[in-house]
Every structure is written in structure tokens, then in C-alpha cells.
Amino acid sequence: MTTFIITAIVVICLSMIAVIYRMVKGPSASDRVVALDSLGVSLISLIGLFSVLVETSFFLEIVLLLAILSFIGTVAFSKFIEKGDIIKRDNSR
């Protein structure tokens, strides 16, 4: 079981390298946002596998925090790409 988990960690690390390349070299901003989101998912799965490997549940709280931050970041970047601003402020007051 340990060799399977270590193999999965290595494969995820290799896929993270490919995603980082796409995030830096991406042809458009939307490709970079998708790469950033998939990097977050890869990091979450990497931490989850590490938590199983060391047999603790402490890291699962970090996984939940990273999932929330990844979701909020993806929504913010998508809104910025679509409208040009993240928070609409009314300056008429």
C-alpha cells in the first residue's frame, strides 16, 4: 500500500510540473486560470495522500482550507477576466 501511495505522489508531482508550465506559458488568461485551479486540486490531493501516508488526520483541515481558498481564487480570477474588476464599488455617495 505504501508503494502505491508513493507512486501516486510522484505522479501528482510530475503533473504539477506540467501544470506550472501551462500556467506560465499559457496562451490566454483563461488557460492560466484553469491551470491555477488544477494546481490547487493537485496540491489538495498531494496533501491528502501525504496525510494517508503518515496516518494522521491533522492535514485534512489544511485540505479543507486549501479547497475553500482555491474555489474563492478561481471565482475571483474568472470574474476579473470577465468584467475587469472583482468588487464593484458605488462611488456615487
PDB file of N, CA and C in Angstrom:
ATOM      1  N   MET A   1       0.828  -1.200   0.000  1.00  0.00           N
ATOM      2  CA  MET A   1       0.000   0.000   0.000  1.00  0.00           C
ATOM      3  C   MET A   1       0.867   1.256   0.000  1.00  0.00           C
ATOM      4  N   THR A   2       1.973   1.202   0.726  1.00  0.00           N
ATOM      5  CA  THR A   2       2.849   2.360   0.807  1.00  0.00           C
ATOM      6  C   THR A   2       3.480   2.672  -0.551  1.00  0.00           C
ATOM      7  N   THR A   3       3.851   1.653  -1.301  1.00  0.00           N
ATOM      8  CA  THR A   3       4.448   1.898  -2.616  1.00  0.00           C
ATOM      9  C   THR A   3       3.434   2.511  -3.570  1.00  0.00           C
ATOM     10  N   PHE A   4       2.173   2.133  -3.442  1.00  0.00           N
ATOM     11  CA  PHE A   4       1.135   2.729  -4.279  1.00  0.00           C
ATOM     12  C   PHE A   4       0.963   4.207  -3.967  1.00  0.00           C
ATOM     13  N   ILE A   5       0.968   4.554  -2.695  1.00  0.00           N
ATOM     14  CA  ILE A   5       0.803   5.951  -2.290  1.00  0.00           C
ATOM     15  C   ILE A   5       2.009   6.781  -2.736  1.00  0.00           C
ATOM     16  N   ILE A   6       3.192   6.243  -2.584  1.00  0.00           N
ATOM     17  CA  ILE A   6       4.389   6.968  -3.010  1.00  0.00           C
ATOM     18  C   ILE A   6       4.401   7.140  -4.525  1.00  0.00           C
ATOM     19  N   THR A   7       3.981   6.114  -5.259  1.00  0.00           N
ATOM     20  CA  THR A   7       3.882   6.225  -6.714  1.00  0.00           C
ATOM     21  C   THR A   7       2.870   7.288  -7.111  1.00  0.00           C
ATOM     22  N   ALA A   8       1.742   7.324  -6.422  1.00  0.00           N
ATOM     23  CA  ALA A   8       0.723   8.344  -6.712  1.00  0.00           C
ATOM     24  C   ALA A   8       1.249   9.744  -6.412  1.00  0.00           C
ATOM     25  N   ILE A   9       2.017   9.898  -5.344  1.00  0.00           N
ATOM     26  CA  ILE A   9       2.595  11.197  -5.005  1.00  0.00           C
ATOM     27  C   ILE A   9       3.578  11.646  -6.090  1.00  0.00           C
ATOM     28  N   VAL A  10       4.382  10.727  -6.588  1.00  0.00           N
ATOM     29  CA  VAL A  10       5.339  11.067  -7.647  1.00  0.00           C
ATOM     30  C   VAL A  10       4.609  11.472  -8.926  1.00  0.00           C
ATOM     31  N   VAL A  11       3.556  10.739  -9.283  1.00  0.00           N
ATOM     32  CA  VAL A  11       2.790  11.062 -10.490  1.00  0.00           C
ATOM     33  C   VAL A  11       2.121  12.432 -10.351  1.00  0.00           C
ATOM     34  N   ILE A  12       1.583  12.725  -9.185  1.00  0.00           N
ATOM     35  CA  ILE A  12       0.952  14.028  -8.971  1.00  0.00           C
ATOM     36  C   ILE A  12       1.994  15.141  -9.032  1.00  0.00           C
ATOM     37  N   CYS A  13       3.183  14.904  -8.489  1.00  0.00           N
ATOM     38  CA  CYS A  13       4.244  15.918  -8.573  1.00  0.00           C
ATOM     39  C   CYS A  13       4.652  16.175 -10.020  1.00  0.00           C
ATOM     40  N   LEU A  14       4.732  15.137 -10.827  1.00  0.00           N
ATOM     41  CA  LEU A  14       5.048  15.316 -12.242  1.00  0.00           C
ATOM     42  C   LEU A  14       3.948  16.074 -12.972  1.00  0.00           C
ATOM     43  N   SER A  15       2.693  15.780 -12.631  1.00  0.00           N
ATOM     44  CA  SER A  15       1.602  16.512 -13.269  1.00  0.00           C
ATOM     45  C   SER A  15       1.573  17.973 -12.811  1.00  0.00           C
ATOM     46  N   MET A  16       2.005  18.235 -11.584  1.00  0.00           N
ATOM     47  CA  MET A  16       2.072  19.614 -11.114  1.00  0.00           C
ATOM     48  C   MET A  16       3.134  20.404 -11.878  1.00  0.00           C
ATOM     49  N   ILE A  17       4.220  19.742 -12.261  1.00  0.00           N
ATOM     50  CA  ILE A  17       5.241  20.415 -13.065  1.00  0.00           C
ATOM     51  C   ILE A  17       4.677  20.797 -14.424  1.00  0.00           C
ATOM     52  N   ALA A  18       3.905  19.894 -15.022  1.00  0.00           N
ATOM     53  CA  ALA A  18       3.283  20.194 -16.315  1.00  0.00           C
ATOM     54  C   ALA A  18       2.263  21.322 -16.187  1.00  0.00           C
ATOM     55  N   VAL A  19       1.516  21.340 -15.093  1.00  0.00           N
ATOM     56  CA  VAL A  19       0.520  22.394 -14.879  1.00  0.00           C
ATOM     57  C   VAL A  19       1.199  23.738 -14.642  1.00  0.00           C
ATOM     58  N   ILE A  20       2.300  23.752 -13.923  1.00  0.00           N
ATOM     59  CA  ILE A  20       3.037  25.007 -13.708  1.00  0.00           C
ATOM     60  C   ILE A  20       3.567  25.537 -15.037  1.00  0.00           C
ATOM     61  N   TYR A  21       4.030  24.638 -15.900  1.00  0.00           N
ATOM     62  CA  TYR A  21       4.467  25.072 -17.227  1.00  0.00           C
ATOM     63  C   TYR A  21       3.310  25.711 -17.993  1.00  0.00           C
ATOM     64  N   ARG A  22       2.123  25.102 -17.920  1.00  0.00           N
ATOM     65  CA  ARG A  22       0.956  25.657 -18.615  1.00  0.00           C
ATOM     66  C   ARG A  22       0.539  26.984 -17.990  1.00  0.00           C
ATOM     67  N   MET A  23       0.699  27.111 -16.690  1.00  0.00           N
ATOM     68  CA  MET A  23       0.320  28.354 -16.029  1.00  0.00           C
ATOM     69  C   MET A  23       1.253  29.502 -16.443  1.00  0.00           C
ATOM     70  N   VAL A  24       2.518  29.207 -16.632  1.00  0.00           N
ATOM     71  CA  VAL A  24       3.462  30.238 -17.035  1.00  0.00           C
ATOM     72  C   VAL A  24       3.368  30.515 -18.531  1.00  0.00           C
ATOM     73  N   LYS A  25       3.235  29.492 -19.336  1.00  0.00           N
ATOM     74  CA  LYS A  25       3.323  29.610 -20.777  1.00  0.00           C
ATOM     75  C   LYS A  25       1.953  29.713 -21.457  1.00  0.00           C
ATOM     76  N   GLY A  26       0.856  29.599 -20.701  1.00  0.00           N
ATOM     77  CA  GLY A  26      -0.482  29.551 -21.279  1.00  0.00           C
ATOM     78  C   GLY A  26      -0.762  30.628 -22.300  1.00  0.00           C
ATOM     79  N   PRO A  27      -1.438  30.286 -23.391  1.00  0.00           N
ATOM     80  CA  PRO A  27      -1.670  31.286 -24.435  1.00  0.00           C
ATOM     81  C   PRO A  27      -2.668  32.375 -24.036  1.00  0.00           C
ATOM     82  N   SER A  28      -3.567  32.081 -23.132  1.00  0.00           N
ATOM     83  CA  SER A  28      -4.552  33.096 -22.734  1.00  0.00           C
ATOM     84  C   SER A  28      -4.709  33.103 -21.224  1.00  0.00           C
ATOM     85  N   ALA A  29      -5.388  34.120 -20.741  1.00  0.00           N
ATOM     86  CA  ALA A  29      -5.589  34.250 -19.292  1.00  0.00           C
ATOM     87  C   ALA A  29      -6.513  33.159 -18.759  1.00  0.00           C
ATOM     88  N   SER A  30      -7.485  32.759 -19.560  1.00  0.00           N
ATOM     89  CA  SER A  30      -8.392  31.706 -19.086  1.00  0.00           C
ATOM     90  C   SER A  30      -7.663  30.373 -18.946  1.00  0.00           C
ATOM     91  N   ASP A  31      -6.694  30.101 -19.825  1.00  0.00           N
ATOM     92  CA  ASP A  31      -5.885  28.887 -19.669  1.00  0.00           C
ATOM     93  C   ASP A  31      -5.069  28.932 -18.386  1.00  0.00           C
ATOM     94  N   ARG A  32      -4.593  30.103 -18.038  1.00  0.00           N
ATOM     95  CA  ARG A  32      -3.821  30.245 -16.805  1.00  0.00           C
ATOM     96  C   ARG A  32      -4.702  30.044 -15.568  1.00  0.00           C
ATOM     97  N   VAL A  33      -5.947  30.507 -15.634  1.00  0.00           N
ATOM     98  CA  VAL A  33      -6.865  30.318 -14.504  1.00  0.00           C
ATOM     99  C   VAL A  33      -7.191  28.845 -14.331  1.00  0.00           C
ATOM    100  N   VAL A  34      -7.429  28.143 -15.430  1.00  0.00           N
ATOM    101  CA  VAL A  34      -7.704  26.711 -15.349  1.00  0.00           C
ATOM    102  C   VAL A  34      -6.482  25.964 -14.817  1.00  0.00           C
ATOM    103  N   ALA A  35      -5.291  26.355 -15.242  1.00  0.00           N
ATOM    104  CA  ALA A  35      -4.071  25.732 -14.741  1.00  0.00           C
ATOM    105  C   ALA A  35      -3.894  25.992 -13.248  1.00  0.00           C
ATOM    106  N   LEU A  36      -4.217  27.210 -12.800  1.00  0.00           N
ATOM    107  CA  LEU A  36      -4.123  27.526 -11.378  1.00  0.00           C
ATOM    108  C   LEU A  36      -5.110  26.697 -10.567  1.00  0.00           C
ATOM    109  N   ASP A  37      -6.297  26.505 -11.099  1.00  0.00           N
ATOM    110  CA  ASP A  37      -7.296  25.691 -10.416  1.00  0.00           C
ATOM    111  C   ASP A  37      -6.851  24.233 -10.349  1.00  0.00           C
ATOM    112  N   SER A  38      -6.319  23.709 -11.433  1.00  0.00           N
ATOM    113  CA  SER A  38      -5.862  22.320 -11.410  1.00  0.00           C
ATOM    114  C   SER A  38      -4.622  22.152 -10.533  1.00  0.00           C
ATOM    115  N   LEU A  39      -3.815  23.210 -10.404  1.00  0.00           N
ATOM    116  CA  LEU A  39      -2.698  23.160  -9.466  1.00  0.00           C
ATOM    117  C   LEU A  39      -3.208  23.068  -8.031  1.00  0.00           C
ATOM    118  N   GLY A  40      -4.271  23.803  -7.732  1.00  0.00           N
ATOM    119  CA  GLY A  40      -4.875  23.712  -6.397  1.00  0.00           C
ATOM    120  C   GLY A  40      -5.430  22.333  -6.111  1.00  0.00           C
ATOM    121  N   VAL A  41      -6.089  21.733  -7.091  1.00  0.00           N
ATOM    122  CA  VAL A  41      -6.625  20.381  -6.915  1.00  0.00           C
ATOM    123  C   VAL A  41      -5.497  19.377  -6.738  1.00  0.00           C
ATOM    124  N   SER A  42      -4.419  19.530  -7.496  1.00  0.00           N
ATOM    125  CA  SER A  42      -3.271  18.636  -7.356  1.00  0.00           C
ATOM    126  C   SER A  42      -2.630  18.778  -5.976  1.00  0.00           C
ATOM    127  N   LEU A  43      -2.530  20.000  -5.494  1.00  0.00           N
ATOM    128  CA  LEU A  43      -1.958  20.224  -4.166  1.00  0.00           C
ATOM    129  C   LEU A  43      -2.842  19.620  -3.079  1.00  0.00           C
ATOM    130  N   ILE A  44      -4.140  19.744  -3.238  1.00  0.00           N
ATOM    131  CA  ILE A  44      -5.064  19.160  -2.272  1.00  0.00           C
ATOM    132  C   ILE A  44      -4.927  17.641  -2.251  1.00  0.00           C
ATOM    133  N   SER A  45      -4.849  17.026  -3.431  1.00  0.00           N
ATOM    134  CA  SER A  45      -4.708  15.570  -3.473  1.00  0.00           C
ATOM    135  C   SER A  45      -3.342  15.130  -2.946  1.00  0.00           C
ATOM    136  N   LEU A  46      -2.317  15.918  -3.189  1.00  0.00           N
ATOM    137  CA  LEU A  46      -0.988  15.600  -2.675  1.00  0.00           C
ATOM    138  C   LEU A  46      -0.971  15.629  -1.148  1.00  0.00           C
ATOM    139  N   ILE A  47      -1.583  16.630  -0.562  1.00  0.00           N
ATOM    140  CA  ILE A  47      -1.642  16.714   0.903  1.00  0.00           C
ATOM    141  C   ILE A  47      -2.504  15.592   1.473  1.00  0.00           C
ATOM    142  N   GLY A  48      -3.593  15.254   0.771  1.00  0.00           N
ATOM    143  CA  GLY A  48      -4.430  14.139   1.225  1.00  0.00           C
ATOM    144  C   GLY A  48      -3.676  12.820   1.207  1.00  0.00           C
ATOM    145  N   LEU A  49      -2.913  12.574   0.152  1.00  0.00           N
ATOM    146  CA  LEU A  49      -2.122  11.342   0.099  1.00  0.00           C
ATOM    147  C   LEU A  49      -1.023  11.335   1.158  1.00  0.00           C
ATOM    148  N   PHE A  50      -0.417  12.473   1.400  1.00  0.00           N
ATOM    149  CA  PHE A  50       0.595  12.558   2.451  1.00  0.00           C
ATOM    150  C   PHE A  50      -0.022  12.286   3.816  1.00  0.00           C
ATOM    151  N   SER A  51      -1.253  12.751   4.015  1.00  0.00           N
ATOM    152  CA  SER A  51      -1.948  12.506   5.278  1.00  0.00           C
ATOM    153  C   SER A  51      -2.219  11.016   5.474  1.00  0.00           C
ATOM    154  N   VAL A  52      -2.557  10.331   4.398  1.00  0.00           N
ATOM    155  CA  VAL A  52      -2.755   8.883   4.486  1.00  0.00           C
ATOM    156  C   VAL A  52      -1.432   8.179   4.731  1.00  0.00           C
ATOM    157  N   LEU A  53      -0.364   8.682   4.109  1.00  0.00           N
ATOM    158  CA  LEU A  53       0.949   8.055   4.249  1.00  0.00           C
ATOM    159  C   LEU A  53       1.464   8.135   5.681  1.00  0.00           C
ATOM    160  N   VAL A  54       1.294   9.271   6.342  1.00  0.00           N
ATOM    161  CA  VAL A  54       1.776   9.409   7.715  1.00  0.00           C
ATOM    162  C   VAL A  54       0.721   9.028   8.752  1.00  0.00           C
ATOM    163  N   GLU A  55      -0.436   8.611   8.278  1.00  0.00           N
ATOM    164  CA  GLU A  55      -1.525   8.103   9.118  1.00  0.00           C
ATOM    165  C   GLU A  55      -1.959   9.105  10.186  1.00  0.00           C
ATOM    166  N   THR A  56      -2.294  10.310   9.751  1.00  0.00           N
ATOM    167  CA  THR A  56      -2.822  11.326  10.649  1.00  0.00           C
ATOM    168  C   THR A  56      -3.965  12.051   9.960  1.00  0.00           C
ATOM    169  N   SER A  57      -4.826  12.640  10.747  1.00  0.00           N
ATOM    170  CA  SER A  57      -5.937  13.393  10.171  1.00  0.00           C
ATOM    171  C   SER A  57      -5.736  14.900  10.329  1.00  0.00           C
ATOM    172  N   PHE A  58      -4.576  15.298  10.811  1.00  0.00           N
ATOM    173  CA  PHE A  58      -4.305  16.714  11.020  1.00  0.00           C
ATOM    174  C   PHE A  58      -4.305  17.487   9.708  1.00  0.00           C
ATOM    175  N   PHE A  59      -3.757  16.894   8.667  1.00  0.00           N
ATOM    176  CA  PHE A  59      -3.623  17.586   7.392  1.00  0.00           C
ATOM    177  C   PHE A  59      -4.952  17.743   6.666  1.00  0.00           C
ATOM    178  N   LEU A  60      -5.975  17.030   7.072  1.00  0.00           N
ATOM    179  CA  LEU A  60      -7.260  17.130   6.401  1.00  0.00           C
ATOM    180  C   LEU A  60      -7.912  18.498   6.620  1.00  0.00           C
ATOM    181  N   GLU A  61      -7.624  19.140   7.721  1.00  0.00           N
ATOM    182  CA  GLU A  61      -8.111  20.502   7.940  1.00  0.00           C
ATOM    183  C   GLU A  61      -7.429  21.473   6.973  1.00  0.00           C
ATOM    184  N   ILE A  62      -6.172  21.234   6.692  1.00  0.00           N
ATOM    185  CA  ILE A  62      -5.459  22.058   5.721  1.00  0.00           C
ATOM    186  C   ILE A  62      -6.033  21.852   4.327  1.00  0.00           C
ATOM    187  N   VAL A  63      -6.424  20.621   4.020  1.00  0.00           N
ATOM    188  CA  VAL A  63      -7.045  20.324   2.728  1.00  0.00           C
ATOM    189  C   VAL A  63      -8.340  21.111   2.566  1.00  0.00           C
ATOM    190  N   LEU A  64      -9.150  21.146   3.607  1.00  0.00           N
ATOM    191  CA  LEU A  64     -10.405  21.907   3.538  1.00  0.00           C
ATOM    192  C   LEU A  64     -10.137  23.399   3.346  1.00  0.00           C
ATOM    193  N   LEU A  65      -9.161  23.926   4.041  1.00  0.00           N
ATOM    194  CA  LEU A  65      -8.814  25.334   3.899  1.00  0.00           C
ATOM    195  C   LEU A  65      -8.318  25.641   2.487  1.00  0.00           C
ATOM    196  N   LEU A  66      -7.465  24.789   1.946  1.00  0.00           N
ATOM    197  CA  LEU A  66      -6.976  24.993   0.589  1.00  0.00           C
ATOM    198  C   LEU A  66      -8.082  24.873  -0.450  1.00  0.00           C
ATOM    199  N   ALA A  67      -9.041  23.985  -0.227  1.00  0.00           N
ATOM    200  CA  ALA A  67     -10.155  23.843  -1.159  1.00  0.00           C
ATOM    201  C   ALA A  67     -11.004  25.112  -1.187  1.00  0.00           C
ATOM    202  N   ILE A  68     -11.261  25.674  -0.019  1.00  0.00           N
ATOM    203  CA  ILE A  68     -12.044  26.912   0.039  1.00  0.00           C
ATOM    204  C   ILE A  68     -11.290  28.058  -0.628  1.00  0.00           C
ATOM    205  N   LEU A  69     -10.004  28.205  -0.326  1.00  0.00           N
ATOM    206  CA  LEU A  69      -9.212  29.276  -0.929  1.00  0.00           C
ATOM    207  C   LEU A  69      -9.072  29.101  -2.438  1.00  0.00           C
ATOM    208  N   SER A  70      -8.941  27.876  -2.896  1.00  0.00           N
ATOM    209  CA  SER A  70      -8.840  27.615  -4.326  1.00  0.00           C
ATOM    210  C   SER A  70     -10.133  27.987  -5.043  1.00  0.00           C
ATOM    211  N   PHE A  71     -11.252  27.653  -4.440  1.00  0.00           N
ATOM    212  CA  PHE A  71     -12.541  27.993  -5.041  1.00  0.00           C
ATOM    213  C   PHE A  71     -12.728  29.505  -5.112  1.00  0.00           C
ATOM    214  N   ILE A  72     -12.434  30.190  -4.018  1.00  0.00           N
ATOM    215  CA  ILE A  72     -12.597  31.649  -3.994  1.00  0.00           C
ATOM    216  C   ILE A  72     -11.642  32.309  -4.992  1.00  0.00           C
ATOM    217  N   GLY A  73     -10.428  31.818  -5.082  1.00  0.00           N
ATOM    218  CA  GLY A  73      -9.469  32.367  -6.036  1.00  0.00           C
ATOM    219  C   GLY A  73      -9.896  32.164  -7.476  1.00  0.00           C
ATOM    220  N   THR A  74     -10.428  30.997  -7.787  1.00  0.00           N
ATOM    221  CA  THR A  74     -10.895  30.734  -9.148  1.00  0.00           C
ATOM    222  C   THR A  74     -12.066  31.622  -9.509  1.00  0.00           C
ATOM    223  N   VAL A  75     -12.993  31.796  -8.598  1.00  0.00           N
ATOM    224  CA  VAL A  75     -14.139  32.665  -8.861  1.00  0.00           C
ATOM    225  C   VAL A  75     -13.688  34.113  -9.027  1.00  0.00           C
ATOM    226  N   ALA A  76     -12.748  34.565  -8.203  1.00  0.00           N
ATOM    227  CA  ALA A  76     -12.265  35.942  -8.302  1.00  0.00           C
ATOM    228  C   ALA A  76     -11.531  36.180  -9.620  1.00  0.00           C
ATOM    229  N   PHE A  77     -10.664  35.260 -10.009  1.00  0.00           N
ATOM    230  CA  PHE A  77      -9.957  35.413 -11.282  1.00  0.00           C
ATOM    231  C   PHE A  77     -10.912  35.382 -12.466  1.00  0.00           C
ATOM    232  N   SER A  78     -11.893  34.494 -12.412  1.00  0.00           N
ATOM    233  CA  SER A  78     -12.867  34.417 -13.507  1.00  0.00           C
ATOM    234  C   SER A  78     -13.675  35.701 -13.621  1.00  0.00           C
ATOM    235  N   LYS A  79     -14.072  36.240 -12.488  1.00  0.00           N
ATOM    236  CA  LYS A  79     -14.822  37.498 -12.508  1.00  0.00           C
ATOM    237  C   LYS A  79     -13.944  38.645 -13.005  1.00  0.00           C
ATOM    238  N   PHE A  80     -12.677  38.635 -12.635  1.00  0.00           N
ATOM    239  CA  PHE A  80     -11.762  39.675 -13.104  1.00  0.00           C
ATOM    240  C   PHE A  80     -11.560  39.597 -14.613  1.00  0.00           C
ATOM    241  N   ILE A  81     -11.443  38.391 -15.135  1.00  0.00           N
ATOM    242  CA  ILE A  81     -11.278  38.226 -16.582  1.00  0.00           C
ATOM    243  C   ILE A  81     -12.541  38.668 -17.317  1.00  0.00           C
ATOM    244  N   GLU A  82     -13.692  38.350 -16.755  1.00  0.00           N
ATOM    245  CA  GLU A  82     -14.951  38.672 -17.431  1.00  0.00           C
ATOM    246  C   GLU A  82     -15.271  40.160 -17.388  1.00  0.00           C
ATOM    247  N   LYS A  83     -15.153  40.790 -16.213  1.00  0.00           N
ATOM    248  CA  LYS A  83     -15.617  42.171 -16.057  1.00  0.00           C
ATOM    249  C   LYS A  83     -14.505  43.188 -15.867  1.00  0.00           C
ATOM    250  N   GLY A  84     -13.323  42.776 -15.513  1.00  0.00           N
ATOM    251  CA  GLY A  84     -12.234  43.712 -15.317  1.00  0.00           C
ATOM    252  C   GLY A  84     -12.079  44.189 -13.884  1.00  0.00           C
ATOM    253  N   ASP A  85     -13.031  43.907 -13.028  1.00  0.00           N
ATOM    254  CA  ASP A  85     -12.905  44.224 -11.603  1.00  0.00           C
ATOM    255  C   ASP A  85     -13.542  43.106 -10.807  1.00  0.00           C
ATOM    256  N   ILE A  86     -13.125  42.986  -9.569  1.00  0.00           N
ATOM    257  CA  ILE A  86     -13.616  41.885  -8.730  1.00  0.00           C
ATOM    258  C   ILE A  86     -14.768  42.365  -7.866  1.00  0.00           C
ATOM    259  N   ILE A  87     -14.594  43.514  -7.249  1.00  0.00           N
ATOM    260  CA  ILE A  87     -15.635  44.077  -6.374  1.00  0.00           C
ATOM    261  C   ILE A  87     -16.124  45.365  -6.989  1.00  0.00           C
ATOM    262  N   LYS A  88     -17.393  45.426  -7.259  1.00  0.00           N
ATOM    263  CA  LYS A  88     -17.968  46.632  -7.837  1.00  0.00           C
ATOM    264  C   LYS A  88     -18.272  47.598  -6.703  1.00  0.00           C
ATOM    265  N   ARG A  89     -17.681  48.775  -6.799  1.00  0.00           N
ATOM    266  CA  ARG A  89     -17.894  49.793  -5.758  1.00  0.00           C
ATOM    267  C   ARG A  89     -18.719  50.920  -6.326  1.00  0.00           C
ATOM    268  N   ASP A  90     -19.643  51.378  -5.512  1.00  0.00           N
ATOM    269  CA  ASP A  90     -20.503  52.502  -5.912  1.00  0.00           C
ATOM    270  C   ASP A  90     -19.930  53.766  -5.291  1.00  0.00           C
ATOM    271  N   ASN A  91     -19.335  54.617  -6.106  1.00  0.00           N
ATOM    272  CA  ASN A  91     -18.708  55.836  -5.634  1.00  0.00           C
ATOM    273  C   ASN A  91     -19.627  57.058  -5.769  1.00  0.00           C
ATOM    274  N   SER A  92     -20.917  56.846  -5.918  1.00  0.00           N
ATOM    275  CA  SER A  92     -21.840  57.966  -6.104  1.00  0.00           C
ATOM    276  C   SER A  92     -22.200  58.636  -4.776  1.00  0.00           C
ATOM    277  N   ARG A  93     -21.826  58.069  -3.661  1.00  0.00           N
ATOM    278  CA  ARG A  93     -22.186  58.652  -2.368  1.00  0.00           C
ATOM    279  C   ARG A  93     -21.353  59.829  -2.042  1.00  0.00           C
TER     280      ARG A  93
END
